[in-house]
């Protein structure tokens, strides 16, 4: 994946970040948003909502590959190698 880290001021205003409903009232969740271009997904830590907070940017193809891998169990703790 060729993700890049960017700060939120570099992103278009009014991005609608959302988080999983399974986060409930938890503070430490990740939030995702699609950029207005429709070609990129942005991921951030829900605790970092200040304008200079870092966010990871992925193409939609990279994000789709990640989600497909998650659904296929590629990232289960049983298959991960600890370093």
C-alpha atoms as a PDB file:
ATOM      1  CA  UNK A   1       0.000   0.000   0.000  1.00  0.00           C
ATOM      2  CA  UNK A   2       1.196   3.480  -0.735  1.00  0.00           C
ATOM      3  CA  UNK A   3      -0.532   5.342   2.074  1.00  0.00           C
ATOM      4  CA  UNK A   4       0.682   8.756   2.989  1.00  0.00           C
ATOM      5  CA  UNK A   5       0.394  10.739   6.174  1.00  0.00           C
ATOM      6  CA  UNK A   6      -1.071  14.199   5.959  1.00  0.00           C
ATOM      7  CA  UNK A   7      -2.417  16.733   8.405  1.00  0.00           C
ATOM      8  CA  UNK A   8      -6.076  17.634   8.398  1.00  0.00           C
ATOM      9  CA  UNK A   9      -5.641  21.261   7.219  1.00  0.00           C
ATOM     10  CA  UNK A  10      -4.448  19.866   3.892  1.00  0.00           C
ATOM     11  CA  UNK A  11      -7.776  18.104   3.469  1.00  0.00           C
ATOM     12  CA  UNK A  12     -10.959  19.722   2.207  1.00  0.00           C
ATOM     13  CA  UNK A  13     -13.176  21.305   4.846  1.00  0.00           C
ATOM     14  CA  UNK A  14     -16.269  19.591   6.099  1.00  0.00           C
ATOM     15  CA  UNK A  15     -15.098  15.990   5.816  1.00  0.00           C
ATOM     16  CA  UNK A  16     -17.681  13.703   7.380  1.00  0.00           C
ATOM     17  CA  UNK A  17     -15.647  11.267   9.476  1.00  0.00           C
ATOM     18  CA  UNK A  18     -17.488   8.229  10.755  1.00  0.00           C
ATOM     19  CA  UNK A  19     -16.634   5.411  13.104  1.00  0.00           C
ATOM     20  CA  UNK A  20     -17.879   1.920  13.707  1.00  0.00           C
ATOM     21  CA  UNK A  21     -21.062   1.599  15.732  1.00  0.00           C
ATOM     22  CA  UNK A  22     -19.220  -1.033  17.802  1.00  0.00           C
ATOM     23  CA  UNK A  23     -17.027   1.769  19.235  1.00  0.00           C
ATOM     24  CA  UNK A  24     -19.943   2.909  21.331  1.00  0.00           C
ATOM     25  CA  UNK A  25     -18.816   5.694  23.641  1.00  0.00           C
ATOM     26  CA  UNK A  26     -15.161   4.652  23.478  1.00  0.00           C
ATOM     27  CA  UNK A  27     -12.648   7.432  22.993  1.00  0.00           C
ATOM     28  CA  UNK A  28      -9.934   5.420  21.217  1.00  0.00           C
ATOM     29  CA  UNK A  29     -11.450   4.448  17.887  1.00  0.00           C
ATOM     30  CA  UNK A  30     -10.409   5.043  14.316  1.00  0.00           C
ATOM     31  CA  UNK A  31     -12.519   7.208  12.049  1.00  0.00           C
ATOM     32  CA  UNK A  32     -12.732   7.039   8.265  1.00  0.00           C
ATOM     33  CA  UNK A  33     -13.928   9.467   5.619  1.00  0.00           C
ATOM     34  CA  UNK A  34     -14.087   9.584   1.843  1.00  0.00           C
ATOM     35  CA  UNK A  35     -12.588  12.705   0.304  1.00  0.00           C
ATOM     36  CA  UNK A  36     -14.713  14.810  -2.020  1.00  0.00           C
ATOM     37  CA  UNK A  37     -12.695  13.617  -5.034  1.00  0.00           C
ATOM     38  CA  UNK A  38     -14.078  10.115  -4.444  1.00  0.00           C
ATOM     39  CA  UNK A  39     -10.621   8.653  -5.064  1.00  0.00           C
ATOM     40  CA  UNK A  40      -9.196   8.613  -1.548  1.00  0.00           C
ATOM     41  CA  UNK A  41     -10.068   7.429   1.948  1.00  0.00           C
ATOM     42  CA  UNK A  42      -8.710   9.148   5.068  1.00  0.00           C
ATOM     43  CA  UNK A  43      -8.216   7.382   8.416  1.00  0.00           C
ATOM     44  CA  UNK A  44      -7.532   9.108  11.727  1.00  0.00           C
ATOM     45  CA  UNK A  45      -7.458   8.440  15.457  1.00  0.00           C
ATOM     46  CA  UNK A  46     -10.689   9.666  17.035  1.00  0.00           C
ATOM     47  CA  UNK A  47      -8.735  11.260  19.892  1.00  0.00           C
ATOM     48  CA  UNK A  48      -6.913  13.559  17.450  1.00  0.00           C
ATOM     49  CA  UNK A  49      -9.511  16.008  16.192  1.00  0.00           C
ATOM     50  CA  UNK A  50      -7.306  19.075  16.272  1.00  0.00           C
ATOM     51  CA  UNK A  51      -6.436  20.569  12.859  1.00  0.00           C
ATOM     52  CA  UNK A  52      -2.807  19.408  12.880  1.00  0.00           C
ATOM     53  CA  UNK A  53      -3.650  15.791  13.687  1.00  0.00           C
ATOM     54  CA  UNK A  54      -2.148  13.250  11.303  1.00  0.00           C
ATOM     55  CA  UNK A  55      -4.366  11.247   9.012  1.00  0.00           C
ATOM     56  CA  UNK A  56      -3.521   8.331   6.719  1.00  0.00           C
ATOM     57  CA  UNK A  57      -4.615   8.625   3.088  1.00  0.00           C
ATOM     58  CA  UNK A  58      -5.366   5.581   0.951  1.00  0.00           C
ATOM     59  CA  UNK A  59      -6.659   5.228  -2.585  1.00  0.00           C
ATOM     60  CA  UNK A  60     -10.083   3.629  -2.805  1.00  0.00           C
ATOM     61  CA  UNK A  61      -8.462   0.566  -4.413  1.00  0.00           C
ATOM     62  CA  UNK A  62      -6.072   0.212  -1.462  1.00  0.00           C
ATOM     63  CA  UNK A  63      -8.916   0.644   1.016  1.00  0.00           C
ATOM     64  CA  UNK A  64     -11.067  -1.924  -0.809  1.00  0.00           C
ATOM     65  CA  UNK A  65      -8.155  -4.404  -0.727  1.00  0.00           C
ATOM     66  CA  UNK A  66      -7.740  -3.813   3.016  1.00  0.00           C
ATOM     67  CA  UNK A  67     -11.445  -4.309   3.755  1.00  0.00           C
ATOM     68  CA  UNK A  68     -11.497  -7.459   1.600  1.00  0.00           C
ATOM     69  CA  UNK A  69      -8.521  -8.789   3.579  1.00  0.00           C
ATOM     70  CA  UNK A  70     -10.218  -8.033   6.895  1.00  0.00           C
ATOM     71  CA  UNK A  71     -13.392  -9.820   5.805  1.00  0.00           C
ATOM     72  CA  UNK A  72     -11.320 -12.804   4.619  1.00  0.00           C
ATOM     73  CA  UNK A  73      -9.618 -13.091   8.019  1.00  0.00           C
ATOM     74  CA  UNK A  74      -6.155 -12.114   6.755  1.00  0.00           C
ATOM     75  CA  UNK A  75      -5.568  -9.986   9.838  1.00  0.00           C
ATOM     76  CA  UNK A  76      -6.789 -12.308  12.565  1.00  0.00           C
ATOM     77  CA  UNK A  77      -4.406 -12.583  15.496  1.00  0.00           C
ATOM     78  CA  UNK A  78      -3.939 -16.280  14.670  1.00  0.00           C
ATOM     79  CA  UNK A  79      -2.402 -15.447  11.280  1.00  0.00           C
ATOM     80  CA  UNK A  80      -0.301 -12.440  12.269  1.00  0.00           C
ATOM     81  CA  UNK A  81       3.406 -12.923  12.857  1.00  0.00           C
ATOM     82  CA  UNK A  82       4.711 -11.159  15.916  1.00  0.00           C
ATOM     83  CA  UNK A  83       7.992  -9.282  15.554  1.00  0.00           C
END
